[in-house]
Amino acid sequence: MDVLPIEEGGDHHAWWVGAGHVLRMARDQDGSVRQLREIALRDALRPFLAVPVPESVATGEWAPGLTYSVDGRLLGVSAEERAVSPGGEADLAGLLTGLRSFPVAKAAALGVPASPPRDLGVLRVSAAEAAGRLDDGRAPPADPPAATTATADVPVSLVHNDLKGEHLLVGGSGRVTGVLDWTDAVLGDPAEDIAGLAISIGARAAVRVAALAGYGPGLCARALRLCRCDTVILLAARLHGEDDSPLPLLRAQRDRAWEPTPLDAP
């Protein structure tokens, strides 16, 4: 059986084990805590979701205090490599609906941390500074007219919190076949996941998905503000040697986030 390393950062080492499994080994005790919490959350969340999440078939310690998990490998390729179809958008809407319906108290009991909503005013100042460093002719991200800017108005739900393209698996028909890496899940602002979808599948598609999941224009517009600011900040950091993320990926994410949507109309 072949065991091949996966080029992956974060708080664990990872290998392909044969054709059907993934071995993940925590690097440190904090990574172990996060891994065990992720396994418990996935098991509890699975009945609420219409899309697959990885299932652990074996767990234990590979060294004192350091855990491992062998997960079943899900089919599909990254959303960075394959477009999501209308059926896939419906799958993602089901994902958002399932996350919103998962009991907050149950997630807290599993150890999922709370994360306060980000202040859009503070974020926009940082994005404006970053836009000035880019000098590419783009204006700093502006608020879509309907954006929910007051943090007190932001609802709280379970949030995946890292819905980038590599964590979304897409099958040959464009349907979503899996959602990976739940280690960053929080109880927080659902606009963060809509923003993640915007950088993964485009702002227009993300707004359609969120609307299908029952989210209103205020939260969708808030998500656009988040992702547009984030992508400008990250791209500027990369161009000035402050980050080592792949430059083509950062440019693609920025372009997806900046797609015009109906929410941008005056």
Protein backbone atom coordinates (compact mmCIF):
# COMPACT_ATOMS: atom_id res chain seq x y z
CA MET A 1 0.00 0.00 0.00
CA ASP A 2 1.39 3.38 -1.02
CA VAL A 3 1.78 6.09 1.62
CA LEU A 4 2.38 9.48 0.01
CA PRO A 5 2.79 12.86 1.73
CA ILE A 6 0.23 15.59 1.12
CA GLU A 7 1.60 19.11 0.76
CA GLU A 8 -0.41 20.70 3.53
CA GLY A 9 0.36 23.19 6.27
CA GLY A 10 -1.64 23.91 9.38
CA ASP A 11 -1.41 22.01 12.62
CA HIS A 12 -1.01 18.48 11.25
CA HIS A 13 1.05 16.32 8.91
CA ALA A 14 -0.97 14.45 6.30
CA TRP A 15 -0.46 11.48 3.99
CA TRP A 16 -2.50 9.62 1.40
CA VAL A 17 -2.81 5.99 2.50
CA GLY A 18 -3.63 3.88 -0.51
CA ALA A 19 -6.47 5.11 -2.69
CA GLY A 20 -9.11 5.40 -0.01
CA HIS A 21 -7.76 7.01 3.15
CA VAL A 22 -5.96 10.04 4.57
CA LEU A 23 -3.70 9.89 7.65
CA ARG A 24 -3.42 13.12 9.63
CA MET A 25 -1.01 13.44 12.56
CA ALA A 26 -1.15 16.41 14.93
CA ARG A 27 2.10 18.37 15.20
CA ASP A 28 1.57 19.53 18.79
CA GLN A 29 -0.86 19.32 21.69
CA ASP A 30 -2.94 22.24 20.46
CA GLY A 31 -3.27 20.47 17.14
CA SER A 32 -4.36 17.35 19.00
CA VAL A 33 -7.11 19.26 20.79
CA ARG A 34 -8.29 20.75 17.52
CA GLN A 35 -8.23 17.39 15.77
CA LEU A 36 -10.29 15.63 18.43
CA ARG A 37 -12.77 18.51 18.46
CA GLU A 38 -13.03 18.36 14.68
CA ILE A 39 -13.78 14.62 14.73
CA ALA A 40 -16.50 15.07 17.35
CA LEU A 41 -18.01 18.02 15.48
CA ARG A 42 -18.09 16.20 12.16
CA ASP A 43 -19.87 13.23 13.74
CA ALA A 44 -22.43 15.49 15.42
CA LEU A 45 -22.92 17.65 12.34
CA ARG A 46 -23.26 14.90 9.75
CA PRO A 47 -27.04 14.37 10.22
CA PHE A 48 -27.63 18.09 9.63
CA LEU A 49 -25.84 18.21 6.27
CA ALA A 50 -26.75 17.04 2.80
CA VAL A 51 -23.10 17.11 1.69
CA PRO A 52 -20.49 14.60 2.88
CA VAL A 53 -17.86 15.42 5.47
CA PRO A 54 -14.88 13.14 6.19
CA GLU A 55 -15.40 10.28 8.62
CA SER A 56 -12.65 9.03 10.89
CA VAL A 57 -12.19 5.25 10.74
CA ALA A 58 -9.37 5.10 13.30
CA THR A 59 -7.92 7.43 15.93
CA GLY A 60 -5.25 7.24 18.59
CA GLU A 61 -1.91 8.69 19.68
CA TRP A 62 1.22 8.41 17.58
CA ALA A 63 3.27 9.90 20.45
CA PRO A 64 2.33 10.90 24.01
CA GLY A 65 -0.26 13.67 23.77
CA LEU A 66 -0.16 13.76 19.96
CA THR A 67 -3.15 12.34 18.12
CA TYR A 68 -3.72 10.87 14.69
CA SER A 69 -6.80 10.18 12.61
CA VAL A 70 -7.32 7.97 9.58
CA ASP A 71 -10.15 9.47 7.53
CA GLY A 72 -12.00 8.00 4.61
CA ARG A 73 -11.09 9.82 1.41
CA LEU A 74 -13.96 11.65 -0.29
CA LEU A 75 -14.36 11.75 -4.05
CA GLY A 76 -14.03 14.89 -6.15
CA VAL A 77 -11.49 17.60 -6.88
CA SER A 78 -10.95 21.06 -5.44
CA ALA A 79 -13.36 23.82 -6.37
CA GLU A 80 -10.23 25.62 -7.57
CA GLU A 81 -10.03 23.03 -10.35
CA ARG A 82 -13.67 22.43 -11.24
CA ALA A 83 -16.66 24.76 -11.45
CA VAL A 84 -19.74 24.27 -9.30
CA SER A 85 -22.97 23.64 -11.21
CA PRO A 86 -26.44 24.95 -10.28
CA GLY A 87 -26.94 21.65 -8.49
CA GLY A 88 -23.69 22.29 -6.64
CA GLU A 89 -24.96 25.71 -5.60
CA ALA A 90 -28.00 23.98 -4.13
CA ASP A 91 -25.63 21.65 -2.25
CA LEU A 92 -23.80 24.64 -0.80
CA ALA A 93 -27.08 26.27 0.18
CA GLY A 94 -27.88 23.07 2.05
CA LEU A 95 -24.50 23.34 3.77
CA LEU A 96 -25.26 26.86 4.99
CA THR A 97 -28.73 25.82 6.09
CA GLY A 98 -27.36 22.86 8.01
CA LEU A 99 -24.78 24.99 9.78
CA ARG A 100 -27.43 27.52 10.78
CA SER A 101 -29.73 24.79 12.10
CA PHE A 102 -27.06 23.10 14.23
CA PRO A 103 -27.76 23.97 17.90
CA VAL A 104 -25.35 26.60 19.18
CA ALA A 105 -25.40 25.08 22.67
CA LYS A 106 -24.45 21.68 21.27
CA ALA A 107 -21.51 23.16 19.37
CA ALA A 108 -20.35 24.99 22.50
CA ALA A 109 -20.54 21.75 24.48
CA LEU A 110 -18.22 20.16 21.91
CA GLY A 111 -15.69 22.91 22.59
CA VAL A 112 -16.27 24.98 19.46
CA PRO A 113 -14.97 28.46 20.37
CA ALA A 114 -16.94 31.68 20.00
CA SER A 115 -15.63 34.33 17.62
CA PRO A 116 -17.06 37.88 17.63
CA PRO A 117 -18.04 39.45 14.29
CA ARG A 118 -15.40 41.63 12.72
CA ASP A 119 -15.78 45.41 12.72
CA LEU A 120 -16.30 46.44 9.11
CA GLY A 121 -15.13 49.98 9.75
CA VAL A 122 -11.77 48.81 11.07
CA LEU A 123 -11.45 46.29 8.25
CA ARG A 124 -12.14 48.91 5.61
CA VAL A 125 -9.38 51.16 6.94
CA SER A 126 -6.90 48.28 6.60
CA ALA A 127 -8.20 47.49 3.11
CA ALA A 128 -7.89 51.11 2.00
CA GLU A 129 -4.25 51.15 3.14
CA ALA A 130 -3.64 47.86 1.30
CA ALA A 131 -5.30 49.17 -1.87
CA GLY A 132 -2.92 52.11 -1.81
CA ARG A 133 0.01 49.70 -1.64
CA LEU A 134 -1.30 47.73 -4.62
CA ASP A 135 -1.46 50.76 -6.91
CA ASP A 136 -3.45 48.79 -9.50
CA GLY A 137 -6.13 51.34 -10.18
CA ARG A 138 -8.80 49.70 -8.06
CA ALA A 139 -10.70 51.76 -5.53
CA PRO A 140 -10.82 50.57 -1.92
CA PRO A 141 -13.75 48.21 -1.30
CA ALA A 142 -16.97 50.14 -0.71
CA ASP A 143 -19.98 49.03 1.27
CA PRO A 144 -22.68 47.44 -0.88
CA PRO A 145 -25.74 49.57 -0.09
CA ALA A 146 -27.49 46.85 1.92
CA ALA A 147 -24.51 45.80 4.07
CA THR A 148 -25.12 44.93 7.71
CA THR A 149 -22.41 47.00 9.39
CA ALA A 150 -23.45 46.93 13.05
CA THR A 151 -21.94 43.92 14.81
CA ALA A 152 -24.93 43.81 17.17
CA ASP A 153 -27.13 42.93 14.18
CA VAL A 154 -25.04 39.92 13.14
CA PRO A 155 -26.60 36.53 13.99
CA VAL A 156 -24.57 33.76 15.60
CA SER A 157 -24.36 30.27 14.15
CA LEU A 158 -21.92 27.45 13.60
CA VAL A 159 -19.44 28.60 10.95
CA HIS A 160 -16.95 26.43 9.02
CA ASN A 161 -14.73 29.53 8.87
CA ASP A 162 -12.40 28.37 6.09
CA LEU A 163 -14.57 27.66 3.04
CA LYS A 164 -11.84 28.22 0.48
CA GLY A 165 -11.75 26.28 -2.76
CA GLU A 166 -9.37 23.56 -1.63
CA HIS A 167 -11.80 22.57 1.14
CA LEU A 168 -14.72 22.12 -1.27
CA LEU A 169 -14.72 18.92 -3.34
CA VAL A 170 -16.63 18.93 -6.62
CA GLY A 171 -17.62 15.91 -8.71
CA GLY A 172 -17.71 15.59 -12.49
CA SER A 173 -21.28 16.87 -12.66
CA GLY A 174 -20.44 20.00 -10.67
CA ARG A 175 -22.16 18.77 -7.52
CA VAL A 176 -20.41 19.19 -4.17
CA THR A 177 -19.03 15.85 -3.00
CA GLY A 178 -17.40 16.90 0.25
CA VAL A 179 -16.43 19.67 2.64
CA LEU A 180 -13.02 19.27 4.28
CA ASP A 181 -11.05 20.67 7.23
CA TRP A 182 -13.37 21.66 10.07
CA THR A 183 -10.56 22.54 12.49
CA ASP A 184 -11.24 26.29 12.27
CA ALA A 185 -14.99 26.02 12.97
CA VAL A 186 -16.37 28.66 15.33
CA LEU A 187 -19.60 30.00 16.70
CA GLY A 188 -19.74 33.32 14.94
CA ASP A 189 -20.73 35.37 11.92
CA PRO A 190 -22.32 33.32 9.09
CA ALA A 191 -21.22 36.04 6.66
CA GLU A 192 -17.70 34.61 7.00
CA ASP A 193 -18.78 31.42 5.22
CA ILE A 194 -20.60 33.36 2.51
CA ALA A 195 -17.40 35.38 2.06
CA GLY A 196 -15.44 32.13 1.81
CA LEU A 197 -17.76 30.96 -0.94
CA ALA A 198 -17.30 34.26 -2.77
CA ILE A 199 -13.53 33.78 -3.03
CA SER A 200 -14.03 30.13 -4.01
CA ILE A 201 -16.89 30.17 -6.54
CA GLY A 202 -17.36 33.89 -7.20
CA ALA A 203 -19.38 36.64 -5.57
CA ARG A 204 -22.43 36.25 -7.81
CA ALA A 205 -22.70 32.52 -7.13
CA ALA A 206 -22.10 33.04 -3.40
CA VAL A 207 -24.94 35.56 -3.20
CA ARG A 208 -27.24 33.11 -5.01
CA VAL A 209 -26.26 30.33 -2.61
CA ALA A 210 -26.80 32.50 0.46
CA ALA A 211 -30.19 33.70 -0.78
CA LEU A 212 -31.21 30.09 -1.47
CA ALA A 213 -30.21 29.29 2.12
CA GLY A 214 -32.52 32.02 3.38
CA TYR A 215 -30.01 34.76 4.17
CA GLY A 216 -31.12 38.32 3.45
CA PRO A 217 -29.36 41.03 1.46
CA GLY A 218 -27.86 42.69 4.55
CA LEU A 219 -25.80 39.66 5.57
CA CYS A 220 -24.91 38.85 1.95
CA ALA A 221 -23.66 42.39 1.40
CA ARG A 222 -21.69 42.15 4.64
CA ALA A 223 -20.03 39.02 3.28
CA LEU A 224 -19.04 40.86 0.11
CA ARG A 225 -17.41 43.57 2.19
CA LEU A 226 -15.49 40.99 4.21
CA CYS A 227 -14.12 39.07 1.24
CA ARG A 228 -13.26 42.15 -0.81
CA CYS A 229 -11.32 43.70 2.04
CA ASP A 230 -9.61 40.42 2.90
CA THR A 231 -8.48 39.70 -0.66
CA VAL A 232 -7.02 43.18 -1.12
CA ILE A 233 -5.18 42.96 2.21
CA LEU A 234 -3.79 39.49 1.47
CA LEU A 235 -2.69 40.37 -2.06
CA ALA A 236 -0.88 43.51 -0.88
CA ALA A 237 0.87 41.53 1.85
CA ARG A 238 2.00 38.93 -0.69
CA LEU A 239 3.32 41.51 -3.16
CA HIS A 240 5.32 43.16 -0.39
CA GLY A 241 6.90 39.92 0.83
CA GLU A 242 4.80 39.61 3.98
CA ASP A 243 3.06 36.38 2.95
CA ASP A 244 4.02 33.31 0.93
CA SER A 245 0.64 32.29 -0.49
CA PRO A 246 0.62 31.51 -4.24
CA LEU A 247 0.23 34.79 -6.10
CA PRO A 248 -2.01 33.42 -8.92
CA LEU A 249 -4.41 32.04 -6.29
CA LEU A 250 -4.59 35.37 -4.45
CA ARG A 251 -5.28 37.24 -7.69
CA ALA A 252 -7.98 34.75 -8.65
CA GLN A 253 -9.61 35.03 -5.23
CA ARG A 254 -9.58 38.82 -5.43
CA ASP A 255 -11.15 38.78 -8.89
CA ARG A 256 -13.89 36.40 -7.75
CA ALA A 257 -14.64 38.50 -4.67
CA TRP A 258 -14.89 41.66 -6.77
CA GLU A 259 -17.40 40.27 -9.26
CA PRO A 260 -20.31 42.74 -9.47
CA THR A 261 -23.56 41.46 -7.99
CA PRO A 262 -27.11 42.81 -7.83
CA LEU A 263 -26.32 43.94 -4.28
CA ASP A 264 -23.77 46.42 -5.65
CA ALA A 265 -26.42 48.36 -7.55
CA PRO A 266 -27.29 51.79 -6.07
